[in-house]
PDB file of N, CA and C in Angstrom:
ATOM      1  N   MET A   1     -43.646  56.595-123.082  1.00  0.00           N
ATOM      2  CA  MET A   1     -44.236  57.769-123.708  1.00  0.00           C
ATOM      3  C   MET A   1     -43.967  59.021-122.880  1.00  0.00           C
ATOM      4  N   LYS A   2     -43.969  58.853-121.561  1.00  0.00           N
ATOM      5  CA  LYS A   2     -43.735  59.979-120.672  1.00  0.00           C
ATOM      6  C   LYS A   2     -42.330  60.553-120.867  1.00  0.00           C
ATOM      7  N   TRP A   3     -41.326  59.696-121.060  1.00  0.00           N
ATOM      8  CA  TRP A   3     -39.951  60.172-121.228  1.00  0.00           C
ATOM      9  C   TRP A   3     -39.781  60.923-122.535  1.00  0.00           C
ATOM     10  N   ILE A   4     -40.547  60.545-123.587  1.00  0.00           N
ATOM     11  CA  ILE A   4     -40.479  61.276-124.859  1.00  0.00           C
ATOM     12  C   ILE A   4     -40.974  62.704-124.645  1.00  0.00           C
ATOM     13  N   HIS A   5     -42.035  62.841-123.878  1.00  0.00           N
ATOM     14  CA  HIS A   5     -42.558  64.179-123.570  1.00  0.00           C
ATOM     15  C   HIS A   5     -41.515  65.001-122.816  1.00  0.00           C
ATOM     16  N   LEU A   6     -40.817  64.391-121.860  1.00  0.00           N
ATOM     17  CA  LEU A   6     -39.769  65.085-121.110  1.00  0.00           C
ATOM     18  C   LEU A   6     -38.624  65.514-122.016  1.00  0.00           C
ATOM     19  N   VAL A   7     -38.213  64.651-122.928  1.00  0.00           N
ATOM     20  CA  VAL A   7     -37.125  64.973-123.854  1.00  0.00           C
ATOM     21  C   VAL A   7     -37.528  66.124-124.763  1.00  0.00           C
ATOM     22  N   LEU A   8     -38.735  66.080-125.298  1.00  0.00           N
ATOM     23  CA  LEU A   8     -39.210  67.154-126.166  1.00  0.00           C
ATOM     24  C   LEU A   8     -39.328  68.474-125.408  1.00  0.00           C
ATOM     25  N   THR A   9     -39.789  68.421-124.178  1.00  0.00           N
ATOM     26  CA  THR A   9     -39.874  69.625-123.361  1.00  0.00           C
ATOM     27  C   THR A   9     -38.490  70.205-123.107  1.00  0.00           C
ATOM     28  N   ALA A  10     -37.528  69.357-122.779  1.00  0.00           N
ATOM     29  CA  ALA A  10     -36.158  69.820-122.531  1.00  0.00           C
ATOM     30  C   ALA A  10     -35.561  70.438-123.784  1.00  0.00           C
ATOM     31  N   LEU A  11     -35.796  69.831-124.944  1.00  0.00           N
ATOM     32  CA  LEU A  11     -35.285  70.390-126.194  1.00  0.00           C
ATOM     33  C   LEU A  11     -35.904  71.740-126.495  1.00  0.00           C
ATOM     34  N   SER A  12     -37.197  71.877-126.299  1.00  0.00           N
ATOM     35  CA  SER A  12     -37.841  73.161-126.583  1.00  0.00           C
ATOM     36  C   SER A  12     -37.361  74.241-125.619  1.00  0.00           C
ATOM     37  N   LEU A  13     -37.126  73.891-124.355  1.00  0.00           N
ATOM     38  CA  LEU A  13     -36.606  74.869-123.398  1.00  0.00           C
ATOM     39  C   LEU A  13     -35.196  75.285-123.754  1.00  0.00           C
ATOM     40  N   SER A  14     -34.371  74.368-124.215  1.00  0.00           N
ATOM     41  CA  SER A  14     -32.999  74.725-124.568  1.00  0.00           C
ATOM     42  C   SER A  14     -32.974  75.634-125.782  1.00  0.00           C
ATOM     43  N   LEU A  15     -33.913  75.453-126.702  1.00  0.00           N
ATOM     44  CA  LEU A  15     -33.975  76.335-127.858  1.00  0.00           C
ATOM     45  C   LEU A  15     -34.412  77.736-127.455  1.00  0.00           C
ATOM     46  N   VAL A  16     -35.327  77.831-126.501  1.00  0.00           N
ATOM     47  CA  VAL A  16     -35.814  79.131-126.053  1.00  0.00           C
ATOM     48  C   VAL A  16     -34.761  79.846-125.224  1.00  0.00           C
ATOM     49  N   CYS A  17     -34.125  79.151-124.293  1.00  0.00           N
ATOM     50  CA  CYS A  17     -33.209  79.825-123.385  1.00  0.00           C
ATOM     51  C   CYS A  17     -31.887  80.181-124.034  1.00  0.00           C
ATOM     52  N   CYS A  18     -31.503  79.434-125.078  1.00  0.00           N
ATOM     53  CA  CYS A  18     -30.165  79.625-125.630  1.00  0.00           C
ATOM     54  C   CYS A  18     -30.162  80.358-126.958  1.00  0.00           C
ATOM     55  N   ASP A  19     -31.295  80.833-127.386  1.00  0.00           N
ATOM     56  CA  ASP A  19     -31.372  81.571-128.631  1.00  0.00           C
ATOM     57  C   ASP A  19     -30.718  82.932-128.422  1.00  0.00           C
ATOM     58  N   GLU A  20     -29.671  83.243-129.181  1.00  0.00           N
ATOM     59  CA  GLU A  20     -28.937  84.492-128.993  1.00  0.00           C
ATOM     60  C   GLU A  20     -29.672  85.652-129.643  1.00  0.00           C
ATOM     61  N   ALA A  21     -29.660  86.765-128.966  1.00  0.00           N
ATOM     62  CA  ALA A  21     -30.252  87.975-129.512  1.00  0.00           C
ATOM     63  C   ALA A  21     -29.317  88.561-130.560  1.00  0.00           C
ATOM     64  N   PRO A  22     -29.862  89.219-131.575  1.00  0.00           N
ATOM     65  CA  PRO A  22     -29.010  89.824-132.590  1.00  0.00           C
ATOM     66  C   PRO A  22     -28.194  90.972-131.999  1.00  0.00           C
ATOM     67  N   SER A  23     -27.054  91.235-132.587  1.00  0.00           N
ATOM     68  CA  SER A  23     -26.194  92.330-132.157  1.00  0.00           C
ATOM     69  C   SER A  23     -26.917  93.657-132.390  1.00  0.00           C
ATOM     70  N   VAL A  24     -26.887  94.518-131.399  1.00  0.00           N
ATOM     71  CA  VAL A  24     -27.547  95.813-131.509  1.00  0.00           C
ATOM     72  C   VAL A  24     -26.486  96.901-131.413  1.00  0.00           C
ATOM     73  N   ALA A  25     -26.443  97.758-132.433  1.00  0.00           N
ATOM     74  CA  ALA A  25     -25.469  98.840-132.450  1.00  0.00           C
ATOM     75  C   ALA A  25     -26.143 100.120-132.930  1.00  0.00           C
ATOM     76  N   THR A  26     -25.821 101.235-132.278  1.00  0.00           N
ATOM     77  CA  THR A  26     -26.286 102.537-132.737  1.00  0.00           C
ATOM     78  C   THR A  26     -25.092 103.469-132.743  1.00  0.00           C
ATOM     79  N   GLN A  27     -25.045 104.344-133.729  1.00  0.00           N
ATOM     80  CA  GLN A  27     -23.969 105.320-133.785  1.00  0.00           C
ATOM     81  C   GLN A  27     -24.445 106.563-134.510  1.00  0.00           C
ATOM     82  N   ASP A  28     -23.724 107.645-134.286  1.00  0.00           N
ATOM     83  CA  ASP A  28     -24.015 108.881-134.993  1.00  0.00           C
ATOM     84  C   ASP A  28     -22.737 109.698-135.057  1.00  0.00           C
ATOM     85  N   THR A  29     -22.726 110.644-135.971  1.00  0.00           N
ATOM     86  CA  THR A  29     -21.565 111.509-136.166  1.00  0.00           C
ATOM     87  C   THR A  29     -22.014 112.961-136.146  1.00  0.00           C
ATOM     88  N   GLU A  30     -21.055 113.831-135.949  1.00  0.00           N
ATOM     89  CA  GLU A  30     -21.319 115.276-135.955  1.00  0.00           C
ATOM     90  C   GLU A  30     -20.088 115.981-136.496  1.00  0.00           C
ATOM     91  N   GLN A  31     -20.327 117.010-137.301  1.00  0.00           N
ATOM     92  CA  GLN A  31     -19.220 117.751-137.910  1.00  0.00           C
ATOM     93  C   GLN A  31     -19.642 119.197-138.105  1.00  0.00           C
ATOM     94  N   SER A  32     -18.700 120.103-137.999  1.00  0.00           N
ATOM     95  CA  SER A  32     -18.968 121.513-138.233  1.00  0.00           C
ATOM     96  C   SER A  32     -17.822 122.101-139.042  1.00  0.00           C
ATOM     97  N   ASN A  33     -18.106 122.488-140.269  1.00  0.00           N
ATOM     98  CA  ASN A  33     -17.095 123.066-141.163  1.00  0.00           C
ATOM     99  C   ASN A  33     -15.866 122.173-141.289  1.00  0.00           C
ATOM    100  N   GLY A  34     -16.081 120.865-141.397  1.00  0.00           N
ATOM    101  CA  GLY A  34     -14.983 119.922-141.583  1.00  0.00           C
ATOM    102  C   GLY A  34     -14.196 119.619-140.326  1.00  0.00           C
ATOM    103  N   SER A  35     -14.704 120.045-139.170  1.00  0.00           N
ATOM    104  CA  SER A  35     -13.992 119.828-137.904  1.00  0.00           C
ATOM    105  C   SER A  35     -14.930 119.251-136.848  1.00  0.00           C
ATOM    106  N   CYS A  36     -14.324 118.773-135.778  1.00  0.00           N
ATOM    107  CA  CYS A  36     -15.097 118.324-134.625  1.00  0.00           C
ATOM    108  C   CYS A  36     -15.598 119.554-133.884  1.00  0.00           C
ATOM    109  N   PRO A  37     -16.915 119.702-133.730  1.00  0.00           N
ATOM    110  CA  PRO A  37     -17.425 120.877-133.026  1.00  0.00           C
ATOM    111  C   PRO A  37     -17.055 120.847-131.543  1.00  0.00           C
ATOM    112  N   SER A  38     -16.734 122.005-131.033  1.00  0.00           N
ATOM    113  CA  SER A  38     -16.400 122.120-129.622  1.00  0.00           C
ATOM    114  C   SER A  38     -17.054 123.390-129.088  1.00  0.00           C
ATOM    115  N   PRO A  39     -18.068 123.280-128.268  1.00  0.00           N
ATOM    116  CA  PRO A  39     -18.626 122.039-127.733  1.00  0.00           C
ATOM    117  C   PRO A  39     -19.522 121.369-128.765  1.00  0.00           C
ATOM    118  N   ALA A  40     -19.737 120.077-128.577  1.00  0.00           N
ATOM    119  CA  ALA A  40     -20.633 119.320-129.450  1.00  0.00           C
ATOM    120  C   ALA A  40     -22.059 119.816-129.257  1.00  0.00           C
ATOM    121  N   MET A  41     -22.813 119.817-130.331  1.00  0.00           N
ATOM    122  CA  MET A  41     -24.204 120.265-130.248  1.00  0.00           C
ATOM    123  C   MET A  41     -25.165 119.089-130.061  1.00  0.00           C
ATOM    124  N   GLN A  42     -24.877 117.945-130.717  1.00  0.00           N
ATOM    125  CA  GLN A  42     -25.786 116.799-130.669  1.00  0.00           C
ATOM    126  C   GLN A  42     -25.225 115.649-129.847  1.00  0.00           C
ATOM    127  N   LEU A  43     -23.966 115.355-129.992  1.00  0.00           N
ATOM    128  CA  LEU A  43     -23.346 114.216-129.320  1.00  0.00           C
ATOM    129  C   LEU A  43     -22.788 114.672-127.981  1.00  0.00           C
ATOM    130  N   VAL A  44     -23.618 114.608-126.965  1.00  0.00           N
ATOM    131  CA  VAL A  44     -23.245 115.148-125.657  1.00  0.00           C
ATOM    132  C   VAL A  44     -23.217 114.078-124.572  1.00  0.00           C
ATOM    133  N   GLY A  45     -23.123 112.790-124.985  1.00  0.00           N
ATOM    134  CA  GLY A  45     -23.053 111.712-124.008  1.00  0.00           C
ATOM    135  C   GLY A  45     -21.810 111.833-123.154  1.00  0.00           C
ATOM    136  N   THR A  46     -21.840 111.210-121.989  1.00  0.00           N
ATOM    137  CA  THR A  46     -20.717 111.336-121.050  1.00  0.00           C
ATOM    138  C   THR A  46     -20.101 109.994-120.641  1.00  0.00           C
ATOM    139  N   THR A  47     -20.671 108.884-121.100  1.00  0.00           N
ATOM    140  CA  THR A  47     -20.159 107.570-120.704  1.00  0.00           C
ATOM    141  C   THR A  47     -18.926 107.229-121.533  1.00  0.00           C
ATOM    142  N   PRO A  48     -17.792 106.990-120.893  1.00  0.00           N
ATOM    143  CA  PRO A  48     -16.566 106.687-121.646  1.00  0.00           C
ATOM    144  C   PRO A  48     -16.603 105.287-122.259  1.00  0.00           C
ATOM    145  N   ALA A  49     -15.665 105.020-123.158  1.00  0.00           N
ATOM    146  CA  ALA A  49     -15.547 103.715-123.800  1.00  0.00           C
ATOM    147  C   ALA A  49     -15.475 102.623-122.738  1.00  0.00           C
ATOM    148  N   GLY A  50     -16.233 101.553-122.960  1.00  0.00           N
ATOM    149  CA  GLY A  50     -16.284 100.448-122.008  1.00  0.00           C
ATOM    150  C   GLY A  50     -17.430 100.551-121.032  1.00  0.00           C
ATOM    151  N   GLY A  51     -18.042 101.744-120.938  1.00  0.00           N
ATOM    152  CA  GLY A  51     -19.168 101.937-120.031  1.00  0.00           C
ATOM    153  C   GLY A  51     -20.472 101.451-120.638  1.00  0.00           C
ATOM    154  N   SER A  52     -21.499 101.364-119.820  1.00  0.00           N
ATOM    155  CA  SER A  52     -22.802 100.859-120.234  1.00  0.00           C
ATOM    156  C   SER A  52     -23.602 101.944-120.963  1.00  0.00           C
ATOM    157  N   CYS A  53     -24.338 101.524-122.015  1.00  0.00           N
ATOM    158  CA  CYS A  53     -25.155 102.463-122.778  1.00  0.00           C
ATOM    159  C   CYS A  53     -26.404 101.777-123.313  1.00  0.00           C
ATOM    160  N   ASP A  54     -27.412 102.583-123.621  1.00  0.00           N
ATOM    161  CA  ASP A  54     -28.603 102.096-124.300  1.00  0.00           C
ATOM    162  C   ASP A  54     -28.570 102.491-125.776  1.00  0.00           C
ATOM    163  N   THR A  55     -28.047 103.692-126.060  1.00  0.00           N
ATOM    164  CA  THR A  55     -27.874 104.164-127.429  1.00  0.00           C
ATOM    165  C   THR A  55     -26.591 104.992-127.487  1.00  0.00           C
ATOM    166  N   TYR A  56     -26.211 105.400-128.701  1.00  0.00           N
ATOM    167  CA  TYR A  56     -25.026 106.253-128.880  1.00  0.00           C
ATOM    168  C   TYR A  56     -25.154 107.551-128.095  1.00  0.00           C
ATOM    169  N   LYS A  57     -26.372 107.989-127.814  1.00  0.00           N
ATOM    170  CA  LYS A  57     -26.589 109.248-127.106  1.00  0.00           C
ATOM    171  C   LYS A  57     -26.001 109.234-125.706  1.00  0.00           C
ATOM    172  N   ASP A  58     -25.757 108.043-125.158  1.00  0.00           N
ATOM    173  CA  ASP A  58     -25.164 107.917-123.828  1.00  0.00           C
ATOM    174  C   ASP A  58     -23.642 108.047-123.857  1.00  0.00           C
ATOM    175  N   CYS A  59     -23.035 107.788-125.004  1.00  0.00           N
ATOM    176  CA  CYS A  59     -21.571 107.637-125.099  1.00  0.00           C
ATOM    177  C   CYS A  59     -20.836 108.957-125.345  1.00  0.00           C
ATOM    178  N   LEU A  60     -19.702 109.084-124.683  1.00  0.00           N
ATOM    179  CA  LEU A  60     -18.809 110.216-124.891  1.00  0.00           C
ATOM    180  C   LEU A  60     -18.243 110.125-126.307  1.00  0.00           C
ATOM    181  N   PRO A  61     -18.422 111.151-127.140  1.00  0.00           N
ATOM    182  CA  PRO A  61     -17.906 111.074-128.509  1.00  0.00           C
ATOM    183  C   PRO A  61     -16.391 111.255-128.553  1.00  0.00           C
ATOM    184  N   VAL A  62     -15.807 110.789-129.638  1.00  0.00           N
ATOM    185  CA  VAL A  62     -14.377 110.949-129.869  1.00  0.00           C
ATOM    186  C   VAL A  62     -14.200 111.645-131.220  1.00  0.00           C
ATOM    187  N   CYS A  63     -13.160 112.434-131.337  1.00  0.00           N
ATOM    188  CA  CYS A  63     -12.871 113.130-132.584  1.00  0.00           C
ATOM    189  C   CYS A  63     -12.038 112.210-133.487  1.00  0.00           C
ATOM    190  N   CYS A  64     -12.561 111.954-134.687  1.00  0.00           N
ATOM    191  CA  CYS A  64     -11.882 111.083-135.654  1.00  0.00           C
ATOM    192  C   CYS A  64     -11.339 111.911-136.810  1.00  0.00           C
ATOM    193  N   ASN A  65     -10.160 111.564-137.275  1.00  0.00           N
ATOM    194  CA  ASN A  65      -9.590 112.191-138.467  1.00  0.00           C
ATOM    195  C   ASN A  65     -10.098 111.474-139.706  1.00  0.00           C
ATOM    196  N   CYS A  66     -10.374 112.232-140.759  1.00  0.00           N
ATOM    197  CA  CYS A  66     -10.777 111.616-142.017  1.00  0.00           C
ATOM    198  C   CYS A  66      -9.596 110.853-142.599  1.00  0.00           C
ATOM    199  N   PRO A  67      -9.842 109.654-143.101  1.00  0.00           N
ATOM    200  CA  PRO A  67      -8.748 108.834-143.628  1.00  0.00           C
ATOM    201  C   PRO A  67      -8.154 109.359-144.931  1.00  0.00           C
ATOM    202  N   ASN A  68      -8.785 110.352-145.561  1.00  0.00           N
ATOM    203  CA  ASN A  68      -8.260 110.880-146.816  1.00  0.00           C
ATOM    204  C   ASN A  68      -7.141 111.906-146.602  1.00  0.00           C
ATOM    205  N   ASN A  69      -6.773 112.135-145.337  1.00  0.00           N
ATOM    206  CA  ASN A  69      -5.653 113.024-144.979  1.00  0.00           C
ATOM    207  C   ASN A  69      -5.800 114.452-145.493  1.00  0.00           C
ATOM    208  N   ASP A  70      -7.047 114.939-145.591  1.00  0.00           N
ATOM    209  CA  ASP A  70      -7.235 116.330-146.013  1.00  0.00           C
ATOM    210  C   ASP A  70      -7.381 117.270-144.822  1.00  0.00           C
ATOM    211  N   GLY A  71      -7.227 116.734-143.613  1.00  0.00           N
ATOM    212  CA  GLY A  71      -7.328 117.551-142.412  1.00  0.00           C
ATOM    213  C   GLY A  71      -8.732 117.627-141.832  1.00  0.00           C
ATOM    214  N   SER A  72      -9.711 117.051-142.518  1.00  0.00           N
ATOM    215  CA  SER A  72     -11.078 117.056-141.997  1.00  0.00           C
ATOM    216  C   SER A  72     -11.195 116.065-140.850  1.00  0.00           C
ATOM    217  N   GLU A  73     -12.134 116.335-139.962  1.00  0.00           N
ATOM    218  CA  GLU A  73     -12.393 115.467-138.819  1.00  0.00           C
ATOM    219  C   GLU A  73     -13.871 115.525-138.464  1.00  0.00           C
ATOM    220  N   TYR A  74     -14.307 114.587-137.618  1.00  0.00           N
ATOM    221  CA  TYR A  74     -15.705 114.513-137.217  1.00  0.00           C
ATOM    222  C   TYR A  74     -15.793 113.802-135.873  1.00  0.00           C
ATOM    223  N   LEU A  75     -16.884 114.070-135.144  1.00  0.00           N
ATOM    224  CA  LEU A  75     -17.143 113.380-133.878  1.00  0.00           C
ATOM    225  C   LEU A  75     -17.902 112.085-134.154  1.00  0.00           C
ATOM    226  N   LEU A  76     -17.592 111.052-133.381  1.00  0.00           N
ATOM    227  CA  LEU A  76     -18.272 109.765-133.488  1.00  0.00           C
ATOM    228  C   LEU A  76     -18.655 109.287-132.098  1.00  0.00           C
ATOM    229  N   ALA A  77     -19.905 108.856-131.939  1.00  0.00           N
ATOM    230  CA  ALA A  77     -20.370 108.200-130.707  1.00  0.00           C
ATOM    231  C   ALA A  77     -20.987 106.876-131.136  1.00  0.00           C
ATOM    232  N   TRP A  78     -20.655 105.787-130.395  1.00  0.00           N
ATOM    233  CA  TRP A  78     -21.041 104.455-130.843  1.00  0.00           C
ATOM    234  C   TRP A  78     -21.343 103.570-129.652  1.00  0.00           C
ATOM    235  N   CYS A  79     -22.524 102.944-129.651  1.00  0.00           N
ATOM    236  CA  CYS A  79     -22.948 102.000-128.614  1.00  0.00           C
ATOM    237  C   CYS A  79     -23.170 100.649-129.285  1.00  0.00           C
ATOM    238  N   VAL A  80     -22.443  99.622-128.843  1.00  0.00           N
ATOM    239  CA  VAL A  80     -22.568  98.278-129.410  1.00  0.00           C
ATOM    240  C   VAL A  80     -22.867  97.303-128.286  1.00  0.00           C
ATOM    241  N   GLU A  81     -23.999  96.614-128.411  1.00  0.00           N
ATOM    242  CA  GLU A  81     -24.413  95.631-127.418  1.00  0.00           C
ATOM    243  C   GLU A  81     -24.320  96.175-125.992  1.00  0.00           C
ATOM    244  N   LYS A  82     -24.882  97.397-125.827  1.00  0.00           N
ATOM    245  CA  LYS A  82     -24.978  98.064-124.524  1.00  0.00           C
ATOM    246  C   LYS A  82     -23.636  98.462-123.912  1.00  0.00           C
ATOM    247  N   THR A  83     -22.606  98.635-124.776  1.00  0.00           N
ATOM    248  CA  THR A  83     -21.293  99.089-124.313  1.00  0.00           C
ATOM    249  C   THR A  83     -20.793 100.189-125.238  1.00  0.00           C
ATOM    250  N   CYS A  84     -20.350 101.312-124.663  1.00  0.00           N
ATOM    251  CA  CYS A  84     -19.767 102.383-125.468  1.00  0.00           C
ATOM    252  C   CYS A  84     -18.455 101.891-126.057  1.00  0.00           C
ATOM    253  N   LYS A  85     -18.308 102.038-127.380  1.00  0.00           N
ATOM    254  CA  LYS A  85     -17.132 101.536-128.085  1.00  0.00           C
ATOM    255  C   LYS A  85     -16.332 102.653-128.742  1.00  0.00           C
ATOM    256  N   THR A  86     -16.538 103.857-128.322  1.00  0.00           N
ATOM    257  CA  THR A  86     -15.934 104.971-129.025  1.00  0.00           C
ATOM    258  C   THR A  86     -14.532 105.294-128.517  1.00  0.00           C
ATOM    259  N   THR A  87     -13.539 104.848-129.261  1.00  0.00           N
ATOM    260  CA  THR A  87     -12.138 105.213-129.029  1.00  0.00           C
ATOM    261  C   THR A  87     -11.546 105.571-130.381  1.00  0.00           C
ATOM    262  N   GLN A  88     -10.357 106.115-130.407  1.00  0.00           N
ATOM    263  CA  GLN A  88      -9.697 106.435-131.675  1.00  0.00           C
ATOM    264  C   GLN A  88      -9.601 105.198-132.567  1.00  0.00           C
ATOM    265  N   ALA A  89      -9.410 104.034-131.976  1.00  0.00           N
ATOM    266  CA  ALA A  89      -9.299 102.795-132.753  1.00  0.00           C
ATOM    267  C   ALA A  89     -10.619 102.435-133.430  1.00  0.00           C
ATOM    268  N   ASP A  90     -11.739 102.990-132.946  1.00  0.00           N
ATOM    269  CA  ASP A  90     -13.046 102.685-133.517  1.00  0.00           C
ATOM    270  C   ASP A  90     -13.402 103.578-134.702  1.00  0.00           C
ATOM    271  N   CYS A  91     -12.589 104.572-134.991  1.00  0.00           N
ATOM    272  CA  CYS A  91     -12.869 105.449-136.127  1.00  0.00           C
ATOM    273  C   CYS A  91     -12.821 104.625-137.411  1.00  0.00           C
ATOM    274  N   PRO A  92     -13.905 104.660-138.208  1.00  0.00           N
ATOM    275  CA  PRO A  92     -13.953 103.823-139.411  1.00  0.00           C
ATOM    276  C   PRO A  92     -13.011 104.304-140.505  1.00  0.00           C
ATOM    277  N   ASP A  93     -12.593 103.358-141.333  1.00  0.00           N
ATOM    278  CA  ASP A  93     -11.754 103.697-142.485  1.00  0.00           C
ATOM    279  C   ASP A  93     -12.532 104.469-143.538  1.00  0.00           C
ATOM    280  N   ASP A  94     -13.848 104.277-143.564  1.00  0.00           N
ATOM    281  CA  ASP A  94     -14.693 104.961-144.549  1.00  0.00           C
ATOM    282  C   ASP A  94     -15.959 105.455-143.852  1.00  0.00           C
ATOM    283  N   PRO A  95     -15.928 106.647-143.274  1.00  0.00           N
ATOM    284  CA  PRO A  95     -17.101 107.164-142.567  1.00  0.00           C
ATOM    285  C   PRO A  95     -18.197 107.666-143.494  1.00  0.00           C
ATOM    286  N   GLY A  96     -17.932 107.734-144.767  1.00  0.00           N
ATOM    287  CA  GLY A  96     -18.933 108.221-145.714  1.00  0.00           C
ATOM    288  C   GLY A  96     -18.499 109.519-146.356  1.00  0.00           C
ATOM    289  N   SER A  97     -18.881 109.690-147.594  1.00  0.00           N
ATOM    290  CA  SER A  97     -18.430 110.857-148.352  1.00  0.00           C
ATOM    291  C   SER A  97     -19.013 112.158-147.831  1.00  0.00           C
ATOM    292  N   SER A  98     -20.130 112.112-147.092  1.00  0.00           N
ATOM    293  CA  SER A  98     -20.693 113.354-146.567  1.00  0.00           C
ATOM    294  C   SER A  98     -19.806 113.941-145.465  1.00  0.00           C
ATOM    295  N   LEU A  99     -19.029 113.106-144.781  1.00  0.00           N
ATOM    296  CA  LEU A  99     -18.145 113.587-143.722  1.00  0.00           C
ATOM    297  C   LEU A  99     -16.719 113.819-144.218  1.00  0.00           C
ATOM    298  N   CYS A 100     -16.263 112.959-145.100  1.00  0.00           N
ATOM    299  CA  CYS A 100     -14.881 113.011-145.584  1.00  0.00           C
ATOM    300  C   CYS A 100     -14.897 112.922-147.117  1.00  0.00           C
ATOM    301  N   PRO A 101     -15.130 114.049-147.776  1.00  0.00           N
ATOM    302  CA  PRO A 101     -15.239 114.024-149.256  1.00  0.00           C
ATOM    303  C   PRO A 101     -13.935 113.669-149.940  1.00  0.00           C
TER     304      PRO A 101
END
């Protein structure tokens, strides 16, 4: 009976210790008259891509071109699982009609 208790305890500990946390991502964009504002007013983070972050506010934004090829652009800052992910390659194909009509 004692070994059953040990096995159950070990199983419950493995479930607690190995339960993965959900992916956490925060991002925001900024645009001024269809362009990347310079200087940025809201996205003023300084941590480059690959650096540690708590939210997008920590990350250095990157200027993304709108995929509709109308010349519009916008700033993007993105923090995924405590790492800044903002590079040109991270610019989404569809940032939303409010940024790229």
